[in-house]
Amino acid sequence: MLSTTGIITANPRFVKPNAGDYHLAWNSPAIDSGEALSVTEDLDGWRRSIGAGYDIGAYECSPFIVLPLVIKN
């Protein structure tokens, strides 16, 4: 039996592939489309999985929003 889980044919929507940034953009079809493997962390050290499932690729897409710190006098 052939499994097609974890296979996508659409654009994975990397953040900036031309600059070497292969993190998944928030709207990537690879998010939550992967399989559970023995890998427990991504290349950034984030736990796998974050969210409803495992992401395809070397990086888990983080649901966290990072805002700049603004200090006013």
N, C-alpha and C. Protein backbone atom coordinates (compact mmCIF):
# COMPACT_ATOMS: atom_id res chain seq x y z
N MET A 1 0.84 -1.18 0.00
CA MET A 1 0.00 0.00 0.00
C MET A 1 0.88 1.24 0.00
N LEU A 2 0.66 2.15 -0.89
CA LEU A 2 1.45 3.38 -1.02
C LEU A 2 0.80 4.49 -0.21
N SER A 3 1.58 5.10 0.67
CA SER A 3 1.07 6.21 1.47
C SER A 3 1.46 7.53 0.82
N THR A 4 0.51 8.45 0.73
CA THR A 4 0.80 9.77 0.18
C THR A 4 0.84 10.83 1.27
N THR A 5 0.76 10.41 2.53
CA THR A 5 0.84 11.36 3.63
C THR A 5 2.19 12.06 3.59
N GLY A 6 2.19 13.36 3.77
CA GLY A 6 3.44 14.11 3.78
C GLY A 6 3.94 14.52 2.41
N ILE A 7 3.15 14.29 1.37
CA ILE A 7 3.56 14.68 0.02
C ILE A 7 2.67 15.84 -0.43
N ILE A 8 3.30 16.92 -0.85
CA ILE A 8 2.55 18.04 -1.41
C ILE A 8 3.15 18.38 -2.76
N THR A 9 2.33 18.86 -3.65
CA THR A 9 2.83 19.25 -4.97
C THR A 9 2.72 20.76 -5.19
N ALA A 10 2.13 21.46 -4.21
CA ALA A 10 1.99 22.91 -4.32
C ALA A 10 3.27 23.60 -3.88
N ASN A 11 3.37 24.89 -4.16
CA ASN A 11 4.48 25.71 -3.70
C ASN A 11 4.52 25.65 -2.17
N PRO A 12 5.66 25.28 -1.55
CA PRO A 12 5.71 25.17 -0.09
C PRO A 12 5.69 26.52 0.62
N ARG A 13 5.86 27.59 -0.12
CA ARG A 13 5.82 28.96 0.42
C ARG A 13 6.85 29.16 1.53
N PHE A 14 8.11 29.05 1.16
CA PHE A 14 9.19 29.37 2.09
C PHE A 14 9.23 30.87 2.31
N VAL A 15 9.80 31.31 3.42
CA VAL A 15 9.85 32.73 3.76
C VAL A 15 10.67 33.50 2.74
N LYS A 16 11.95 33.18 2.58
CA LYS A 16 12.83 33.86 1.62
C LYS A 16 13.84 32.86 1.06
N PRO A 17 13.41 31.98 0.17
CA PRO A 17 14.33 30.95 -0.33
C PRO A 17 15.53 31.51 -1.08
N ASN A 18 15.37 32.64 -1.77
CA ASN A 18 16.49 33.24 -2.49
C ASN A 18 17.59 33.72 -1.55
N ALA A 19 17.22 33.99 -0.30
CA ALA A 19 18.19 34.43 0.71
C ALA A 19 18.59 33.28 1.62
N GLY A 20 18.15 32.06 1.30
CA GLY A 20 18.51 30.89 2.11
C GLY A 20 17.62 30.65 3.32
N ASP A 21 16.49 31.35 3.40
CA ASP A 21 15.58 31.17 4.53
C ASP A 21 14.46 30.22 4.11
N TYR A 22 14.58 28.97 4.54
CA TYR A 22 13.61 27.95 4.17
C TYR A 22 12.61 27.65 5.27
N HIS A 23 12.39 28.63 6.15
CA HIS A 23 11.31 28.50 7.12
C HIS A 23 9.98 28.58 6.35
N LEU A 24 8.95 27.96 6.90
CA LEU A 24 7.65 27.98 6.24
C LEU A 24 6.91 29.26 6.55
N ALA A 25 6.32 29.87 5.52
CA ALA A 25 5.47 31.04 5.72
C ALA A 25 4.18 30.58 6.40
N TRP A 26 3.47 31.51 7.00
CA TRP A 26 2.26 31.19 7.76
C TRP A 26 1.19 30.49 6.93
N ASN A 27 1.22 30.68 5.60
CA ASN A 27 0.20 30.11 4.73
C ASN A 27 0.71 28.92 3.91
N SER A 28 1.75 28.28 4.36
CA SER A 28 2.34 27.16 3.63
C SER A 28 1.46 25.91 3.72
N PRO A 29 1.31 25.20 2.59
CA PRO A 29 0.56 23.94 2.64
C PRO A 29 1.33 22.82 3.34
N ALA A 30 2.60 23.05 3.64
CA ALA A 30 3.42 22.05 4.33
C ALA A 30 3.19 22.04 5.85
N ILE A 31 2.50 23.06 6.36
CA ILE A 31 2.24 23.14 7.80
C ILE A 31 1.21 22.08 8.17
N ASP A 32 1.53 21.31 9.21
CA ASP A 32 0.67 20.25 9.73
C ASP A 32 0.38 19.16 8.70
N SER A 33 1.25 18.99 7.70
CA SER A 33 1.04 18.00 6.65
C SER A 33 2.04 16.86 6.69
N GLY A 34 2.93 16.87 7.68
CA GLY A 34 3.98 15.86 7.75
C GLY A 34 3.58 14.65 8.58
N GLU A 35 4.54 13.75 8.73
CA GLU A 35 4.35 12.53 9.49
C GLU A 35 5.17 12.59 10.77
N ALA A 36 4.72 11.88 11.78
CA ALA A 36 5.46 11.77 13.03
C ALA A 36 6.66 10.85 12.80
N LEU A 37 7.85 11.39 12.98
CA LEU A 37 9.09 10.60 12.85
C LEU A 37 9.81 10.62 14.18
N SER A 38 11.00 10.10 14.23
CA SER A 38 11.76 10.08 15.48
C SER A 38 12.47 11.40 15.76
N VAL A 39 12.32 12.39 14.88
CA VAL A 39 12.93 13.70 15.06
C VAL A 39 12.08 14.49 16.05
N THR A 40 12.69 14.97 17.14
CA THR A 40 11.93 15.67 18.18
C THR A 40 12.12 17.18 18.15
N GLU A 41 13.12 17.68 17.40
CA GLU A 41 13.37 19.11 17.29
C GLU A 41 13.68 19.47 15.85
N ASP A 42 13.35 20.72 15.47
CA ASP A 42 13.72 21.19 14.13
C ASP A 42 15.12 21.80 14.18
N LEU A 43 15.59 22.36 13.08
CA LEU A 43 16.94 22.90 13.03
C LEU A 43 17.15 24.13 13.91
N ASP A 44 16.06 24.79 14.31
CA ASP A 44 16.15 25.93 15.23
C ASP A 44 16.06 25.50 16.69
N GLY A 45 15.82 24.22 16.91
CA GLY A 45 15.68 23.72 18.27
C GLY A 45 14.26 23.72 18.81
N TRP A 46 13.28 24.07 17.95
CA TRP A 46 11.87 24.05 18.36
C TRP A 46 11.40 22.61 18.45
N ARG A 47 10.51 22.37 19.39
CA ARG A 47 9.92 21.04 19.57
C ARG A 47 9.06 20.70 18.36
N ARG A 48 9.09 19.45 17.95
CA ARG A 48 8.18 18.95 16.93
C ARG A 48 7.13 18.12 17.61
N SER A 49 5.93 18.27 17.48
CA SER A 49 5.24 19.16 16.59
C SER A 49 4.69 20.35 17.37
N ILE A 50 4.52 21.45 16.68
CA ILE A 50 3.85 22.63 17.23
C ILE A 50 2.56 22.77 16.43
N GLY A 51 1.46 22.86 17.09
CA GLY A 51 0.19 22.99 16.38
C GLY A 51 -0.53 21.67 16.25
N ALA A 52 -1.35 21.56 15.21
CA ALA A 52 -2.21 20.39 15.03
C ALA A 52 -1.47 19.16 14.50
N GLY A 53 -0.28 19.34 13.94
CA GLY A 53 0.46 18.21 13.38
C GLY A 53 1.89 18.59 13.08
N TYR A 54 2.59 17.67 12.45
CA TYR A 54 4.00 17.89 12.10
C TYR A 54 4.09 18.63 10.77
N ASP A 55 5.05 19.54 10.68
CA ASP A 55 5.27 20.27 9.43
C ASP A 55 6.27 19.50 8.57
N ILE A 56 6.14 19.65 7.26
CA ILE A 56 7.09 19.05 6.34
C ILE A 56 8.29 19.98 6.23
N GLY A 57 9.48 19.43 6.28
CA GLY A 57 10.68 20.23 6.12
C GLY A 57 11.53 20.26 7.38
N ALA A 58 12.58 21.05 7.34
CA ALA A 58 13.55 21.11 8.42
C ALA A 58 13.12 21.99 9.57
N TYR A 59 12.09 22.80 9.36
CA TYR A 59 11.66 23.75 10.38
C TYR A 59 10.17 23.62 10.68
N GLU A 60 9.81 23.65 11.96
CA GLU A 60 8.41 23.76 12.36
C GLU A 60 8.02 25.22 12.25
N CYS A 61 6.83 25.47 11.78
CA CYS A 61 6.34 26.84 11.71
C CYS A 61 5.84 27.23 13.09
N SER A 62 6.39 28.28 13.61
CA SER A 62 6.02 28.74 14.94
C SER A 62 4.76 29.59 14.89
N PRO A 63 3.79 29.30 15.76
CA PRO A 63 2.58 30.11 15.77
C PRO A 63 2.74 31.41 16.54
N PHE A 64 3.93 31.63 17.08
CA PHE A 64 4.17 32.80 17.90
C PHE A 64 4.45 34.02 17.04
N ILE A 65 3.97 35.16 17.46
CA ILE A 65 4.24 36.41 16.77
C ILE A 65 5.29 37.16 17.58
N VAL A 66 6.35 37.55 16.93
CA VAL A 66 7.42 38.29 17.61
C VAL A 66 7.26 39.76 17.27
N LEU A 67 7.04 40.56 18.29
CA LEU A 67 6.87 42.00 18.10
C LEU A 67 8.12 42.73 18.57
N PRO A 68 8.46 43.84 17.95
CA PRO A 68 9.63 44.59 18.38
C PRO A 68 9.38 45.24 19.74
N LEU A 69 10.44 45.37 20.51
CA LEU A 69 10.36 46.03 21.79
C LEU A 69 10.48 47.54 21.55
N VAL A 70 9.51 48.30 22.06
CA VAL A 70 9.51 49.75 21.91
C VAL A 70 9.61 50.37 23.30
N ILE A 71 10.63 51.17 23.49
CA ILE A 71 10.83 51.83 24.78
C ILE A 71 10.62 53.32 24.59
N LYS A 72 9.71 53.86 25.40
CA LYS A 72 9.45 55.30 25.33
C LYS A 72 10.00 55.97 26.56
N ASN A 73 10.51 57.18 26.40
CA ASN A 73 11.02 57.96 27.54
C ASN A 73 9.91 58.74 28.17
